[in-house]
């Protein structure tokens, strides 16, 4: 266990908290900011040598070099204990990676007239009806019986014997 493995565990925990899975898919990465995606990508590198070595590097990446040296715990959230590490960590992440004040979410794409026409045409078409051919009654025709085929019989195992001197079973396989 090294600090790099702690950074990896931290990143997996953040992924689980954000995406409800420790192994996010492409759609999850697209939903978060490029800055956060870059940070998590560095922390989740498979080789420990490729990861950030300590949390100081993580903090430097988040806030720049000026804050890593004086990194202090986040102010306590009302109603939480001062030693609530995970609560403070969650609050820190929320503050650091929340959208900028006044930011507006992207607008949803409006359906185009071309797309509406395609859907309308598809609804106008009659559903395709497939002809169902009834199955023929079962017969024995087509089944060839091979009477000269040799039968393979499993070899019988001899029953275990007892050693009369010790009154114990002795295996025949030795």
C-alpha atoms as a PDB file:
ATOM      1  CA  UNK A   1       0.000   0.000   0.000  1.00  0.00           C
ATOM      2  CA  UNK A   2       1.328   3.372  -1.015  1.00  0.00           C
ATOM      3  CA  UNK A   3      -0.028   6.875  -1.233  1.00  0.00           C
ATOM      4  CA  UNK A   4      -0.638   6.193  -4.933  1.00  0.00           C
ATOM      5  CA  UNK A   5      -3.008   3.375  -4.009  1.00  0.00           C
ATOM      6  CA  UNK A   6      -4.803   5.756  -1.641  1.00  0.00           C
ATOM      7  CA  UNK A   7      -5.200   8.224  -4.522  1.00  0.00           C
ATOM      8  CA  UNK A   8      -6.584   5.395  -6.685  1.00  0.00           C
ATOM      9  CA  UNK A   9      -9.052   4.396  -3.946  1.00  0.00           C
ATOM     10  CA  UNK A  10     -10.051   8.031  -3.524  1.00  0.00           C
ATOM     11  CA  UNK A  11     -10.806   8.331  -7.248  1.00  0.00           C
ATOM     12  CA  UNK A  12     -12.846   5.095  -7.260  1.00  0.00           C
ATOM     13  CA  UNK A  13     -14.815   6.399  -4.259  1.00  0.00           C
ATOM     14  CA  UNK A  14     -15.485   9.705  -6.026  1.00  0.00           C
ATOM     15  CA  UNK A  15     -16.658   7.791  -9.117  1.00  0.00           C
ATOM     16  CA  UNK A  16     -18.983   5.693  -6.982  1.00  0.00           C
ATOM     17  CA  UNK A  17     -20.367   8.776  -5.232  1.00  0.00           C
ATOM     18  CA  UNK A  18     -20.957  10.594  -8.521  1.00  0.00           C
ATOM     19  CA  UNK A  19     -22.016   7.812 -10.886  1.00  0.00           C
ATOM     20  CA  UNK A  20     -23.199   5.019  -8.532  1.00  0.00           C
ATOM     21  CA  UNK A  21     -20.491   2.753  -9.980  1.00  0.00           C
ATOM     22  CA  UNK A  22     -16.748   2.592  -9.293  1.00  0.00           C
ATOM     23  CA  UNK A  23     -16.153   1.785 -12.983  1.00  0.00           C
ATOM     24  CA  UNK A  24     -17.680   4.663 -14.973  1.00  0.00           C
ATOM     25  CA  UNK A  25     -18.553   4.344 -18.648  1.00  0.00           C
ATOM     26  CA  UNK A  26     -18.060   6.878 -21.442  1.00  0.00           C
ATOM     27  CA  UNK A  27     -21.476   8.468 -20.828  1.00  0.00           C
ATOM     28  CA  UNK A  28     -20.474   9.162 -17.211  1.00  0.00           C
ATOM     29  CA  UNK A  29     -17.271  10.923 -18.270  1.00  0.00           C
ATOM     30  CA  UNK A  30     -19.222  13.072 -20.726  1.00  0.00           C
ATOM     31  CA  UNK A  31     -21.539  14.201 -17.924  1.00  0.00           C
ATOM     32  CA  UNK A  32     -18.765  15.686 -15.763  1.00  0.00           C
ATOM     33  CA  UNK A  33     -16.525  18.677 -16.344  1.00  0.00           C
ATOM     34  CA  UNK A  34     -13.324  18.180 -18.364  1.00  0.00           C
ATOM     35  CA  UNK A  35     -11.287  19.323 -15.373  1.00  0.00           C
ATOM     36  CA  UNK A  36     -12.788  16.696 -13.067  1.00  0.00           C
ATOM     37  CA  UNK A  37     -12.563  14.022 -15.763  1.00  0.00           C
ATOM     38  CA  UNK A  38      -8.856  14.824 -16.208  1.00  0.00           C
ATOM     39  CA  UNK A  39      -8.214  14.625 -12.475  1.00  0.00           C
ATOM     40  CA  UNK A  40     -10.016  11.304 -12.071  1.00  0.00           C
ATOM     41  CA  UNK A  41      -8.335   9.912 -15.174  1.00  0.00           C
ATOM     42  CA  UNK A  42      -4.902  10.665 -13.701  1.00  0.00           C
ATOM     43  CA  UNK A  43      -5.867   9.195 -10.326  1.00  0.00           C
ATOM     44  CA  UNK A  44      -7.247   6.011 -11.934  1.00  0.00           C
ATOM     45  CA  UNK A  45      -4.160   5.171 -14.016  1.00  0.00           C
ATOM     46  CA  UNK A  46      -3.531   1.420 -13.894  1.00  0.00           C
ATOM     47  CA  UNK A  47       0.168   1.678 -13.080  1.00  0.00           C
ATOM     48  CA  UNK A  48       0.956   3.329  -9.714  1.00  0.00           C
ATOM     49  CA  UNK A  49       3.908   5.151 -11.310  1.00  0.00           C
ATOM     50  CA  UNK A  50       1.498   6.913 -13.693  1.00  0.00           C
ATOM     51  CA  UNK A  51      -0.821   8.090 -10.882  1.00  0.00           C
ATOM     52  CA  UNK A  52      -0.454  11.109  -8.701  1.00  0.00           C
ATOM     53  CA  UNK A  53       1.780  10.026  -5.836  1.00  0.00           C
ATOM     54  CA  UNK A  54       0.108  11.920  -2.975  1.00  0.00           C
ATOM     55  CA  UNK A  55      -2.958  13.973  -2.137  1.00  0.00           C
ATOM     56  CA  UNK A  56      -0.795  17.091  -2.267  1.00  0.00           C
ATOM     57  CA  UNK A  57      -0.527  16.500  -6.023  1.00  0.00           C
ATOM     58  CA  UNK A  58      -4.306  16.064  -6.195  1.00  0.00           C
ATOM     59  CA  UNK A  59      -4.835  19.361  -4.366  1.00  0.00           C
ATOM     60  CA  UNK A  60      -2.251  21.074  -6.576  1.00  0.00           C
ATOM     61  CA  UNK A  61      -4.148  19.864  -9.631  1.00  0.00           C
ATOM     62  CA  UNK A  62      -7.439  21.127  -8.182  1.00  0.00           C
ATOM     63  CA  UNK A  63      -6.440  24.553  -6.873  1.00  0.00           C
ATOM     64  CA  UNK A  64      -2.937  25.199  -8.190  1.00  0.00           C
ATOM     65  CA  UNK A  65       0.415  25.160  -6.356  1.00  0.00           C
ATOM     66  CA  UNK A  66      -0.375  28.101  -4.057  1.00  0.00           C
ATOM     67  CA  UNK A  67      -3.060  26.236  -2.087  1.00  0.00           C
ATOM     68  CA  UNK A  68      -1.478  22.794  -1.809  1.00  0.00           C
ATOM     69  CA  UNK A  69       1.013  23.943   0.815  1.00  0.00           C
ATOM     70  CA  UNK A  70      -1.625  25.566   2.999  1.00  0.00           C
ATOM     71  CA  UNK A  71      -4.394  23.037   2.392  1.00  0.00           C
ATOM     72  CA  UNK A  72      -6.654  23.037   5.405  1.00  0.00           C
ATOM     73  CA  UNK A  73      -9.757  21.010   6.112  1.00  0.00           C
ATOM     74  CA  UNK A  74     -12.970  22.448   4.722  1.00  0.00           C
ATOM     75  CA  UNK A  75     -15.053  24.396   7.195  1.00  0.00           C
ATOM     76  CA  UNK A  76     -17.437  22.159   9.058  1.00  0.00           C
ATOM     77  CA  UNK A  77     -20.922  21.838   7.635  1.00  0.00           C
ATOM     78  CA  UNK A  78     -23.622  22.856  10.131  1.00  0.00           C
ATOM     79  CA  UNK A  79     -24.958  19.820  11.963  1.00  0.00           C
ATOM     80  CA  UNK A  80     -21.848  17.745  11.208  1.00  0.00           C
ATOM     81  CA  UNK A  81     -19.061  16.812  13.568  1.00  0.00           C
ATOM     82  CA  UNK A  82     -15.702  18.521  13.106  1.00  0.00           C
ATOM     83  CA  UNK A  83     -14.006  15.137  12.675  1.00  0.00           C
ATOM     84  CA  UNK A  84     -16.446  14.037   9.935  1.00  0.00           C
ATOM     85  CA  UNK A  85     -13.786  13.470   7.268  1.00  0.00           C
ATOM     86  CA  UNK A  86     -16.106  12.106   4.582  1.00  0.00           C
ATOM     87  CA  UNK A  87     -18.654  14.871   5.070  1.00  0.00           C
ATOM     88  CA  UNK A  88     -15.917  17.482   4.760  1.00  0.00           C
ATOM     89  CA  UNK A  89     -14.504  15.733   1.699  1.00  0.00           C
ATOM     90  CA  UNK A  90     -17.914  15.619   0.023  1.00  0.00           C
ATOM     91  CA  UNK A  91     -18.487  19.312   0.777  1.00  0.00           C
ATOM     92  CA  UNK A  92     -15.036  20.177  -0.572  1.00  0.00           C
ATOM     93  CA  UNK A  93     -15.732  18.292  -3.813  1.00  0.00           C
ATOM     94  CA  UNK A  94     -19.147  19.917  -4.168  1.00  0.00           C
ATOM     95  CA  UNK A  95     -17.665  23.391  -3.772  1.00  0.00           C
ATOM     96  CA  UNK A  96     -14.702  22.701  -6.041  1.00  0.00           C
ATOM     97  CA  UNK A  97     -16.521  21.064  -8.929  1.00  0.00           C
ATOM     98  CA  UNK A  98     -19.956  22.655  -8.798  1.00  0.00           C
ATOM     99  CA  UNK A  99     -21.046  24.753 -11.799  1.00  0.00           C
ATOM    100  CA  UNK A 100     -19.976  28.365 -11.805  1.00  0.00           C
ATOM    101  CA  UNK A 101     -22.528  30.824 -10.364  1.00  0.00           C
ATOM    102  CA  UNK A 102     -24.847  32.042 -13.111  1.00  0.00           C
ATOM    103  CA  UNK A 103     -23.994  29.129 -15.406  1.00  0.00           C
ATOM    104  CA  UNK A 104     -26.943  27.851 -17.385  1.00  0.00           C
ATOM    105  CA  UNK A 105     -27.386  24.217 -18.300  1.00  0.00           C
ATOM    106  CA  UNK A 106     -27.191  23.384 -22.006  1.00  0.00           C
ATOM    107  CA  UNK A 107     -30.471  23.554 -23.901  1.00  0.00           C
ATOM    108  CA  UNK A 108     -32.131  20.346 -25.017  1.00  0.00           C
ATOM    109  CA  UNK A 109     -32.209  19.773 -28.761  1.00  0.00           C
ATOM    110  CA  UNK A 110     -35.564  20.522 -30.330  1.00  0.00           C
ATOM    111  CA  UNK A 111     -36.969  17.906 -32.703  1.00  0.00           C
ATOM    112  CA  UNK A 112     -36.507  18.855 -36.345  1.00  0.00           C
ATOM    113  CA  UNK A 113     -39.252  18.750 -38.959  1.00  0.00           C
ATOM    114  CA  UNK A 114     -37.269  16.071 -40.781  1.00  0.00           C
ATOM    115  CA  UNK A 115     -37.294  13.801 -37.732  1.00  0.00           C
ATOM    116  CA  UNK A 116     -40.996  14.395 -37.130  1.00  0.00           C
ATOM    117  CA  UNK A 117     -41.772  13.416 -40.748  1.00  0.00           C
ATOM    118  CA  UNK A 118     -39.827  10.159 -40.431  1.00  0.00           C
ATOM    119  CA  UNK A 119     -41.744   9.215 -37.293  1.00  0.00           C
ATOM    120  CA  UNK A 120     -45.085  10.103 -38.926  1.00  0.00           C
ATOM    121  CA  UNK A 121     -44.288   7.933 -41.970  1.00  0.00           C
ATOM    122  CA  UNK A 122     -43.340   5.008 -39.774  1.00  0.00           C
ATOM    123  CA  UNK A 123     -46.672   5.280 -37.942  1.00  0.00           C
ATOM    124  CA  UNK A 124     -48.631   5.326 -41.243  1.00  0.00           C
ATOM    125  CA  UNK A 125     -47.192   2.023 -42.462  1.00  0.00           C
ATOM    126  CA  UNK A 126     -49.182  -1.060 -41.640  1.00  0.00           C
ATOM    127  CA  UNK A 127     -47.409  -3.560 -39.479  1.00  0.00           C
ATOM    128  CA  UNK A 128     -45.894  -6.422 -41.402  1.00  0.00           C
ATOM    129  CA  UNK A 129     -47.823  -9.640 -40.882  1.00  0.00           C
ATOM    130  CA  UNK A 130     -45.802 -12.794 -41.202  1.00  0.00           C
ATOM    131  CA  UNK A 131     -47.413 -15.966 -42.501  1.00  0.00           C
ATOM    132  CA  UNK A 132     -47.131 -18.683 -39.927  1.00  0.00           C
ATOM    133  CA  UNK A 133     -46.685 -22.133 -41.396  1.00  0.00           C
ATOM    134  CA  UNK A 134     -48.003 -24.878 -39.136  1.00  0.00           C
ATOM    135  CA  UNK A 135     -45.470 -27.444 -38.012  1.00  0.00           C
ATOM    136  CA  UNK A 136     -45.891 -30.949 -39.426  1.00  0.00           C
ATOM    137  CA  UNK A 137     -46.974 -33.668 -37.014  1.00  0.00           C
ATOM    138  CA  UNK A 138     -44.092 -35.580 -35.428  1.00  0.00           C
ATOM    139  CA  UNK A 139     -43.045 -38.713 -37.314  1.00  0.00           C
ATOM    140  CA  UNK A 140     -40.263 -41.210 -37.123  1.00  0.00           C
ATOM    141  CA  UNK A 141     -39.316 -40.589 -40.756  1.00  0.00           C
ATOM    142  CA  UNK A 142     -35.850 -39.245 -41.249  1.00  0.00           C
ATOM    143  CA  UNK A 143     -34.504 -40.851 -38.108  1.00  0.00           C
ATOM    144  CA  UNK A 144     -32.006 -43.512 -39.029  1.00  0.00           C
ATOM    145  CA  UNK A 145     -31.404 -46.205 -36.453  1.00  0.00           C
ATOM    146  CA  UNK A 146     -27.908 -47.649 -36.490  1.00  0.00           C
ATOM    147  CA  UNK A 147     -28.086 -51.099 -35.032  1.00  0.00           C
ATOM    148  CA  UNK A 148     -24.481 -52.151 -35.612  1.00  0.00           C
ATOM    149  CA  UNK A 149     -23.026 -49.289 -33.590  1.00  0.00           C
ATOM    150  CA  UNK A 150     -20.844 -50.557 -30.744  1.00  0.00           C
ATOM    151  CA  UNK A 151     -21.972 -49.587 -27.278  1.00  0.00           C
ATOM    152  CA  UNK A 152     -19.464 -48.020 -24.954  1.00  0.00           C
ATOM    153  CA  UNK A 153     -19.812 -49.241 -21.406  1.00  0.00           C
ATOM    154  CA  UNK A 154     -18.090 -47.567 -18.478  1.00  0.00           C
ATOM    155  CA  UNK A 155     -15.520 -49.641 -16.644  1.00  0.00           C
ATOM    156  CA  UNK A 156     -16.620 -50.763 -13.209  1.00  0.00           C
ATOM    157  CA  UNK A 157     -14.500 -49.830 -10.252  1.00  0.00           C
ATOM    158  CA  UNK A 158     -13.683 -52.708  -7.923  1.00  0.00           C
ATOM    159  CA  UNK A 159     -15.001 -52.213  -4.398  1.00  0.00           C
ATOM    160  CA  UNK A 160     -12.476 -50.977  -1.822  1.00  0.00           C
ATOM    161  CA  UNK A 161     -10.664 -53.657   0.144  1.00  0.00           C
ATOM    162  CA  UNK A 162      -9.835 -53.697   3.829  1.00  0.00           C
ATOM    163  CA  UNK A 163      -6.407 -54.198   5.240  1.00  0.00           C
ATOM    164  CA  UNK A 164      -6.977 -56.960   7.763  1.00  0.00           C
ATOM    165  CA  UNK A 165      -4.030 -55.853   9.913  1.00  0.00           C
ATOM    166  CA  UNK A 166      -5.252 -52.274  10.427  1.00  0.00           C
ATOM    167  CA  UNK A 167      -8.947 -52.688   9.636  1.00  0.00           C
ATOM    168  CA  UNK A 168      -8.760 -49.722   7.241  1.00  0.00           C
ATOM    169  CA  UNK A 169      -9.880 -49.336   3.667  1.00  0.00           C
ATOM    170  CA  UNK A 170      -7.167 -49.621   1.069  1.00  0.00           C
ATOM    171  CA  UNK A 171      -7.462 -47.949  -2.317  1.00  0.00           C
ATOM    172  CA  UNK A 172      -7.111 -50.192  -5.371  1.00  0.00           C
ATOM    173  CA  UNK A 173      -5.722 -47.355  -7.441  1.00  0.00           C
ATOM    174  CA  UNK A 174      -2.247 -47.362  -5.885  1.00  0.00           C
END
